[in-house]
Amino acid sequence: MKQTVATSSLMQHRISVSLTARIESMMKAIEEKDWPTFCDLTIADSNEMHAVCLDTFPPCVYMTDTSHAVASLLHKYNDLKTTESNVNHKVCYTFDAGPNACIFAPEAVAEEVLALLLQAFPPPPTQAAEEYVKGIPTHPATLSKVFTL
């Protein structure tokens, strides 16, 4: 982080502009139980943080091709759900200081999202699905043909 603070102009913008506004908006979204806004803010914050990492000199690259593929898949899922006019079933992601996605999904679609992720990113043959997926225990749903990759 010392290197980022010293070299990234985006980090300076994040500190002086983005974070304050985003924190206020996030608090409001949580208080109002505004799930779509919570999702948009969560994704924006994650994307901005990783942009700051890339703006650091030399750059810090945490996300992998798989990380980007997970984000892309979730955006496609959201586009489909929005087309169905069900924005409350939107999902969102953030990434740790590494390639790992942390995914937030409403209970109504959690099993569907898990099934989609396991279809797109199956566990290695040597690892059981229960060890591969972390978080609240759930079981993948059967996917409709709409989600066939």
Protein backbone atom coordinates (compact mmCIF):
# COMPACT_ATOMS: atom_id res chain seq x y z
CA MET A 1 0.00 0.00 0.00
CA LYS A 2 2.92 2.37 0.62
CA GLN A 3 3.88 2.03 -3.05
CA THR A 4 0.27 2.61 -4.12
CA VAL A 5 -0.10 5.76 -2.01
CA ALA A 6 3.23 7.04 -3.34
CA THR A 7 2.63 6.37 -7.04
CA SER A 8 -1.07 6.08 -7.87
CA SER A 9 -2.96 9.24 -8.81
CA LEU A 10 -6.13 7.11 -8.85
CA MET A 11 -5.54 6.28 -5.19
CA GLN A 12 -5.46 9.98 -4.36
CA HIS A 13 -8.80 10.41 -6.16
CA ARG A 14 -10.19 7.36 -4.36
CA ILE A 15 -9.20 8.78 -0.96
CA SER A 16 -10.36 12.35 -1.58
CA VAL A 17 -13.49 11.80 -3.69
CA SER A 18 -14.74 8.28 -4.27
CA LEU A 19 -14.66 6.71 -0.84
CA THR A 20 -16.56 9.41 1.01
CA ALA A 21 -19.36 9.50 -1.54
CA ARG A 22 -19.50 5.73 -1.87
CA ILE A 23 -19.60 5.13 1.89
CA GLU A 24 -22.51 7.55 2.25
CA SER A 25 -24.35 5.91 -0.65
CA MET A 26 -23.65 2.43 0.69
CA MET A 27 -24.95 3.31 4.15
CA LYS A 28 -28.13 4.70 2.59
CA ALA A 29 -28.57 1.58 0.41
CA ILE A 30 -28.20 -0.67 3.45
CA GLU A 31 -30.57 1.40 5.58
CA GLU A 32 -33.17 1.42 2.80
CA LYS A 33 -32.57 -2.25 1.93
CA ASP A 34 -31.89 -1.13 -1.65
CA TRP A 35 -30.31 -4.31 -2.99
CA PRO A 36 -29.67 -3.16 -6.61
CA THR A 37 -27.84 -0.04 -5.39
CA PHE A 38 -25.86 -2.11 -2.86
CA CYS A 39 -24.78 -4.38 -5.72
CA ASP A 40 -23.79 -1.54 -8.04
CA LEU A 41 -21.76 0.16 -5.30
CA THR A 42 -20.05 -3.09 -4.27
CA ILE A 43 -18.97 -3.84 -7.83
CA ALA A 44 -17.87 -0.25 -8.45
CA ASP A 45 -15.75 -0.22 -5.31
CA SER A 46 -14.10 -3.53 -6.17
CA ASN A 47 -13.39 -2.41 -9.72
CA GLU A 48 -11.98 0.91 -8.55
CA MET A 49 -9.68 -0.74 -6.01
CA HIS A 50 -8.26 -3.08 -8.62
CA ALA A 51 -7.86 -0.13 -11.02
CA VAL A 52 -5.84 1.60 -8.29
CA CYS A 53 -3.68 -1.52 -8.03
CA LEU A 54 -3.02 -1.39 -11.77
CA ASP A 55 -2.24 2.34 -11.52
CA THR A 56 0.45 1.65 -8.92
CA PHE A 57 4.03 1.75 -10.23
CA PRO A 58 5.04 -0.98 -10.65
CA PRO A 59 1.50 -2.31 -10.93
CA CYS A 60 -0.01 -4.76 -8.46
CA VAL A 61 -1.97 -7.37 -10.39
CA TYR A 62 -4.19 -9.50 -8.20
CA MET A 63 -7.06 -10.55 -10.43
CA THR A 64 -6.52 -13.42 -12.86
CA ASP A 65 -8.19 -14.30 -16.14
CA THR A 66 -10.53 -16.50 -14.11
CA SER A 67 -11.33 -13.57 -11.80
CA HIS A 68 -12.33 -11.49 -14.82
CA ALA A 69 -14.34 -14.40 -16.24
CA VAL A 70 -16.29 -14.70 -12.96
CA ALA A 71 -17.08 -10.98 -13.04
CA SER A 72 -18.14 -11.21 -16.69
CA LEU A 73 -20.39 -14.21 -16.01
CA LEU A 74 -22.09 -12.39 -13.13
CA HIS A 75 -22.66 -9.30 -15.30
CA LYS A 76 -24.29 -11.54 -17.95
CA TYR A 77 -26.43 -13.14 -15.25
CA ASN A 78 -27.52 -9.69 -14.06
CA ASP A 79 -28.34 -8.63 -17.62
CA LEU A 80 -30.58 -11.69 -17.98
CA LYS A 81 -32.30 -11.05 -14.64
CA THR A 82 -32.79 -7.38 -15.53
CA THR A 83 -34.36 -8.45 -18.82
CA GLU A 84 -36.76 -10.54 -16.75
CA SER A 85 -37.51 -7.30 -14.83
CA ASN A 86 -36.38 -8.79 -11.55
CA VAL A 87 -33.64 -6.43 -10.40
CA ASN A 88 -33.96 -7.67 -6.82
CA HIS A 89 -32.36 -10.91 -7.96
CA LYS A 90 -29.20 -9.11 -9.02
CA VAL A 91 -25.91 -10.54 -7.76
CA CYS A 92 -22.68 -8.72 -7.06
CA TYR A 93 -19.04 -9.40 -6.43
CA THR A 94 -15.99 -7.96 -4.83
CA PHE A 95 -12.49 -9.37 -4.90
CA ASP A 96 -10.05 -9.70 -2.07
CA ALA A 97 -6.44 -8.56 -2.41
CA GLY A 98 -6.04 -11.56 -4.63
CA PRO A 99 -7.98 -13.43 -7.31
CA ASN A 100 -10.80 -14.67 -5.05
CA ALA A 101 -14.35 -13.54 -5.75
CA CYS A 102 -16.69 -12.85 -2.85
CA ILE A 103 -20.19 -13.11 -4.28
CA PHE A 104 -23.36 -11.69 -2.76
CA ALA A 105 -26.64 -13.19 -3.95
CA PRO A 106 -30.18 -13.02 -2.64
CA GLU A 107 -31.39 -16.28 -1.12
CA ALA A 108 -33.96 -16.65 -3.91
CA VAL A 109 -31.21 -17.15 -6.53
CA ALA A 110 -28.23 -18.34 -4.46
CA GLU A 111 -28.57 -21.98 -5.54
CA GLU A 112 -29.04 -20.99 -9.19
CA VAL A 113 -25.95 -18.76 -9.09
CA LEU A 114 -23.93 -21.51 -7.40
CA ALA A 115 -24.97 -24.01 -10.08
CA LEU A 116 -24.00 -21.55 -12.81
CA LEU A 117 -20.60 -20.91 -11.22
CA LEU A 118 -19.93 -24.64 -10.78
CA GLN A 119 -20.88 -25.25 -14.41
CA ALA A 120 -18.57 -22.50 -15.64
CA PHE A 121 -15.77 -23.15 -13.12
CA PRO A 122 -15.95 -26.77 -11.97
CA PRO A 123 -13.78 -27.87 -9.06
CA PRO A 124 -10.57 -29.69 -9.93
CA PRO A 125 -11.05 -33.47 -10.11
CA THR A 126 -9.08 -33.88 -6.88
CA GLN A 127 -11.30 -31.52 -4.88
CA ALA A 128 -14.85 -32.07 -3.68
CA ALA A 129 -17.37 -29.31 -4.41
CA GLU A 130 -17.95 -28.91 -0.65
CA GLU A 131 -14.28 -27.95 -0.24
CA TYR A 132 -14.24 -25.81 -3.38
CA VAL A 133 -17.08 -23.45 -2.43
CA LYS A 134 -16.93 -21.45 0.79
CA GLY A 135 -19.69 -19.56 2.54
CA ILE A 136 -23.21 -20.33 3.66
CA PRO A 137 -23.96 -23.99 2.91
CA THR A 138 -26.22 -24.39 -0.11
CA HIS A 139 -26.85 -26.91 -2.85
CA PRO A 140 -26.67 -26.07 -6.54
CA ALA A 141 -29.98 -25.89 -8.36
CA THR A 142 -30.70 -27.53 -11.68
CA LEU A 143 -30.10 -24.93 -14.36
CA SER A 144 -32.61 -24.12 -17.08
CA LYS A 145 -31.45 -24.19 -20.70
CA VAL A 146 -31.16 -20.40 -20.53
CA PHE A 147 -27.95 -20.86 -18.55
CA THR A 148 -26.33 -23.55 -20.68
CA LEU A 149 -22.80 -22.48 -21.49
